Amino acid sequence: MDIAALNVRITLQKNTPKTDSIGNHTLDWEDYFSCYATVSNGTGGEKENAGTINETETLHFTVRWCSELAEVGSTRYRILFNNKIYDIEYVDPMGFKKNSLKFKAVLIKR
């Protein structure tokens, strides 16, 4: 792995359940871990939703493996990059060698 290629900072966020004073349950996003990554363009493409076709922006984030990132999955985590939120679609352990992880993430449109 080329360490010099890890040139952008990303923040992983984790959703945690919270209960307010009257017992309502909500999910809040909290910063979990921040690290440097290599970002590459994904395939992009189009997705059909309710009869309309929407263009999607897909990026691949490659990071060095560490114990904090070992538990990151696609259901409870997301990535912040350049003030945009990316939903993790899958995590590639890169051959289970504990050298690096690759996240495929899709931009969340707001």
C-alpha atoms as a PDB file:
ATOM      1  CA  MET A   1       0.000   0.000   0.000  1.00  0.00           C
ATOM      2  CA  ASP A   2       1.329   3.419  -0.989  1.00  0.00           C
ATOM      3  CA  ILE A   3       1.031   5.562   2.154  1.00  0.00           C
ATOM      4  CA  ALA A   4       1.562   8.778   0.164  1.00  0.00           C
ATOM      5  CA  ALA A   5      -1.661   8.078  -1.726  1.00  0.00           C
ATOM      6  CA  LEU A   6      -3.696   8.446   1.501  1.00  0.00           C
ATOM      7  CA  ASN A   7      -4.134  12.160   0.919  1.00  0.00           C
ATOM      8  CA  VAL A   8      -7.699  13.058   1.987  1.00  0.00           C
ATOM      9  CA  ARG A   9      -9.259  13.057   5.437  1.00  0.00           C
ATOM     10  CA  ILE A  10     -12.567  11.284   5.965  1.00  0.00           C
ATOM     11  CA  THR A  11     -14.756  10.886   9.029  1.00  0.00           C
ATOM     12  CA  LEU A  12     -16.784   7.780   9.731  1.00  0.00           C
ATOM     13  CA  GLN A  13     -19.998   8.302  11.652  1.00  0.00           C
ATOM     14  CA  LYS A  14     -21.947   5.721  13.636  1.00  0.00           C
ATOM     15  CA  ASN A  15     -25.660   5.851  14.358  1.00  0.00           C
ATOM     16  CA  THR A  16     -26.561   5.366  17.992  1.00  0.00           C
ATOM     17  CA  PRO A  17     -30.040   5.063  19.490  1.00  0.00           C
ATOM     18  CA  LYS A  18     -31.017   7.847  21.887  1.00  0.00           C
ATOM     19  CA  THR A  19     -34.011   8.241  24.171  1.00  0.00           C
ATOM     20  CA  ASP A  20     -35.331  11.691  24.997  1.00  0.00           C
ATOM     21  CA  SER A  21     -36.928  12.816  28.277  1.00  0.00           C
ATOM     22  CA  ILE A  22     -40.374  11.471  27.356  1.00  0.00           C
ATOM     23  CA  GLY A  23     -39.203   8.110  26.011  1.00  0.00           C
ATOM     24  CA  ASN A  24     -39.078   8.705  22.245  1.00  0.00           C
ATOM     25  CA  HIS A  25     -36.349   6.727  20.469  1.00  0.00           C
ATOM     26  CA  THR A  26     -34.293   8.338  17.713  1.00  0.00           C
ATOM     27  CA  LEU A  27     -31.074   7.519  15.876  1.00  0.00           C
ATOM     28  CA  ASP A  28     -28.350  10.154  16.076  1.00  0.00           C
ATOM     29  CA  TRP A  29     -25.160  10.215  14.013  1.00  0.00           C
ATOM     30  CA  GLU A  30     -21.960  10.710  16.015  1.00  0.00           C
ATOM     31  CA  ASP A  31     -18.386  10.955  14.784  1.00  0.00           C
ATOM     32  CA  TYR A  32     -16.757   7.573  15.294  1.00  0.00           C
ATOM     33  CA  PHE A  33     -13.315   7.685  13.668  1.00  0.00           C
ATOM     34  CA  SER A  34     -11.325   9.976  11.402  1.00  0.00           C
ATOM     35  CA  CYS A  35      -8.475   8.859   9.147  1.00  0.00           C
ATOM     36  CA  TYR A  36      -6.737   9.455   5.843  1.00  0.00           C
ATOM     37  CA  ALA A  37      -7.918   7.681   2.718  1.00  0.00           C
ATOM     38  CA  THR A  38      -7.429   7.319  -1.000  1.00  0.00           C
ATOM     39  CA  VAL A  39     -10.538   8.238  -2.953  1.00  0.00           C
ATOM     40  CA  SER A  40     -11.273   6.879  -6.412  1.00  0.00           C
ATOM     41  CA  ASN A  41     -14.272   7.223  -8.672  1.00  0.00           C
ATOM     42  CA  GLY A  42     -16.732   4.404  -8.656  1.00  0.00           C
ATOM     43  CA  THR A  43     -18.863   3.346 -11.536  1.00  0.00           C
ATOM     44  CA  GLY A  44     -21.611   5.886 -10.957  1.00  0.00           C
ATOM     45  CA  GLY A  45     -24.718   5.104 -12.877  1.00  0.00           C
ATOM     46  CA  GLU A  46     -28.417   5.518 -12.627  1.00  0.00           C
ATOM     47  CA  LYS A  47     -30.980   4.223 -10.186  1.00  0.00           C
ATOM     48  CA  GLU A  48     -34.713   4.025 -10.724  1.00  0.00           C
ATOM     49  CA  ASN A  49     -36.864   5.218  -7.849  1.00  0.00           C
ATOM     50  CA  ALA A  50     -40.651   5.581  -8.061  1.00  0.00           C
ATOM     51  CA  GLY A  51     -40.602   5.777 -11.838  1.00  0.00           C
ATOM     52  CA  THR A  52     -37.882   8.432 -12.073  1.00  0.00           C
ATOM     53  CA  ILE A  53     -34.273   7.785 -13.009  1.00  0.00           C
ATOM     54  CA  ASN A  54     -31.721   9.418 -10.719  1.00  0.00           C
ATOM     55  CA  GLU A  55     -28.011   9.656 -11.352  1.00  0.00           C
ATOM     56  CA  THR A  56     -25.853   8.296  -8.524  1.00  0.00           C
ATOM     57  CA  GLU A  57     -22.352   9.293  -7.445  1.00  0.00           C
ATOM     58  CA  THR A  58     -20.302   6.341  -6.217  1.00  0.00           C
ATOM     59  CA  LEU A  59     -16.850   6.630  -4.655  1.00  0.00           C
ATOM     60  CA  HIS A  60     -14.383   4.070  -3.346  1.00  0.00           C
ATOM     61  CA  PHE A  61     -12.500   4.954  -0.143  1.00  0.00           C
ATOM     62  CA  THR A  62      -9.378   2.909   0.657  1.00  0.00           C
ATOM     63  CA  VAL A  63      -7.954   3.191   4.188  1.00  0.00           C
ATOM     64  CA  ARG A  64      -5.289   1.429   6.220  1.00  0.00           C
ATOM     65  CA  TRP A  65      -6.649  -1.358   8.388  1.00  0.00           C
ATOM     66  CA  CYS A  66      -6.848  -0.688  12.129  1.00  0.00           C
ATOM     67  CA  SER A  67      -8.793  -2.226  15.000  1.00  0.00           C
ATOM     68  CA  GLU A  68     -11.281   0.683  15.093  1.00  0.00           C
ATOM     69  CA  LEU A  69     -12.235   0.055  11.464  1.00  0.00           C
ATOM     70  CA  ALA A  70     -12.532  -3.717  11.856  1.00  0.00           C
ATOM     71  CA  GLU A  71     -16.119  -3.405  13.119  1.00  0.00           C
ATOM     72  CA  VAL A  72     -17.326  -0.927  10.474  1.00  0.00           C
ATOM     73  CA  GLY A  73     -20.193  -2.302   8.403  1.00  0.00           C
ATOM     74  CA  SER A  74     -22.684  -1.015   5.896  1.00  0.00           C
ATOM     75  CA  THR A  75     -25.721  -0.779   8.169  1.00  0.00           C
ATOM     76  CA  ARG A  76     -24.683   1.472  11.074  1.00  0.00           C
ATOM     77  CA  TYR A  77     -21.965   3.647   9.524  1.00  0.00           C
ATOM     78  CA  ARG A  78     -21.567   6.381   6.926  1.00  0.00           C
ATOM     79  CA  ILE A  79     -18.706   8.530   5.605  1.00  0.00           C
ATOM     80  CA  LEU A  80     -18.303  12.321   5.622  1.00  0.00           C
ATOM     81  CA  PHE A  81     -16.076  13.641   2.844  1.00  0.00           C
ATOM     82  CA  ASN A  82     -15.884  17.219   1.483  1.00  0.00           C
ATOM     83  CA  ASN A  83     -18.980  18.231   3.487  1.00  0.00           C
ATOM     84  CA  LYS A  84     -21.001  15.499   1.767  1.00  0.00           C
ATOM     85  CA  ILE A  85     -22.510  12.370   3.282  1.00  0.00           C
ATOM     86  CA  TYR A  86     -21.876   8.980   1.680  1.00  0.00           C
ATOM     87  CA  ASP A  87     -23.825   5.846   2.586  1.00  0.00           C
ATOM     88  CA  ILE A  88     -21.610   2.739   2.743  1.00  0.00           C
ATOM     89  CA  GLU A  89     -22.874   0.026   0.391  1.00  0.00           C
ATOM     90  CA  TYR A  90     -20.261  -2.598   1.209  1.00  0.00           C
ATOM     91  CA  VAL A  91     -16.909  -3.082   2.889  1.00  0.00           C
ATOM     92  CA  ASP A  92     -14.170  -4.993   1.049  1.00  0.00           C
ATOM     93  CA  PRO A  93     -11.550  -6.441   3.462  1.00  0.00           C
ATOM     94  CA  MET A  94      -9.032  -6.695   0.575  1.00  0.00           C
ATOM     95  CA  GLY A  95      -8.188 -10.383   0.972  1.00  0.00           C
ATOM     96  CA  PHE A  96      -8.441 -10.463   4.799  1.00  0.00           C
ATOM     97  CA  LYS A  97      -4.738  -9.583   5.111  1.00  0.00           C
ATOM     98  CA  LYS A  98      -5.380  -6.748   7.621  1.00  0.00           C
ATOM     99  CA  ASN A  99      -3.509  -4.251   5.441  1.00  0.00           C
ATOM    100  CA  SER A 100      -6.342  -2.141   4.071  1.00  0.00           C
ATOM    101  CA  LEU A 101     -10.107  -1.800   3.749  1.00  0.00           C
ATOM    102  CA  LYS A 102     -12.088  -0.484   0.802  1.00  0.00           C
ATOM    103  CA  PHE A 103     -15.507   1.104   1.237  1.00  0.00           C
ATOM    104  CA  LYS A 104     -17.909   1.486  -1.678  1.00  0.00           C
ATOM    105  CA  ALA A 105     -20.119   4.456  -0.856  1.00  0.00           C
ATOM    106  CA  VAL A 106     -22.962   6.318  -2.562  1.00  0.00           C
ATOM    107  CA  LEU A 107     -23.695  10.016  -2.141  1.00  0.00           C
ATOM    108  CA  ILE A 108     -26.820  10.741  -0.113  1.00  0.00           C
ATOM    109  CA  LYS A 109     -28.859  13.424  -1.871  1.00  0.00           C
ATOM    110  CA  ARG A 110     -30.485  15.996   0.333  1.00  0.00           C
END
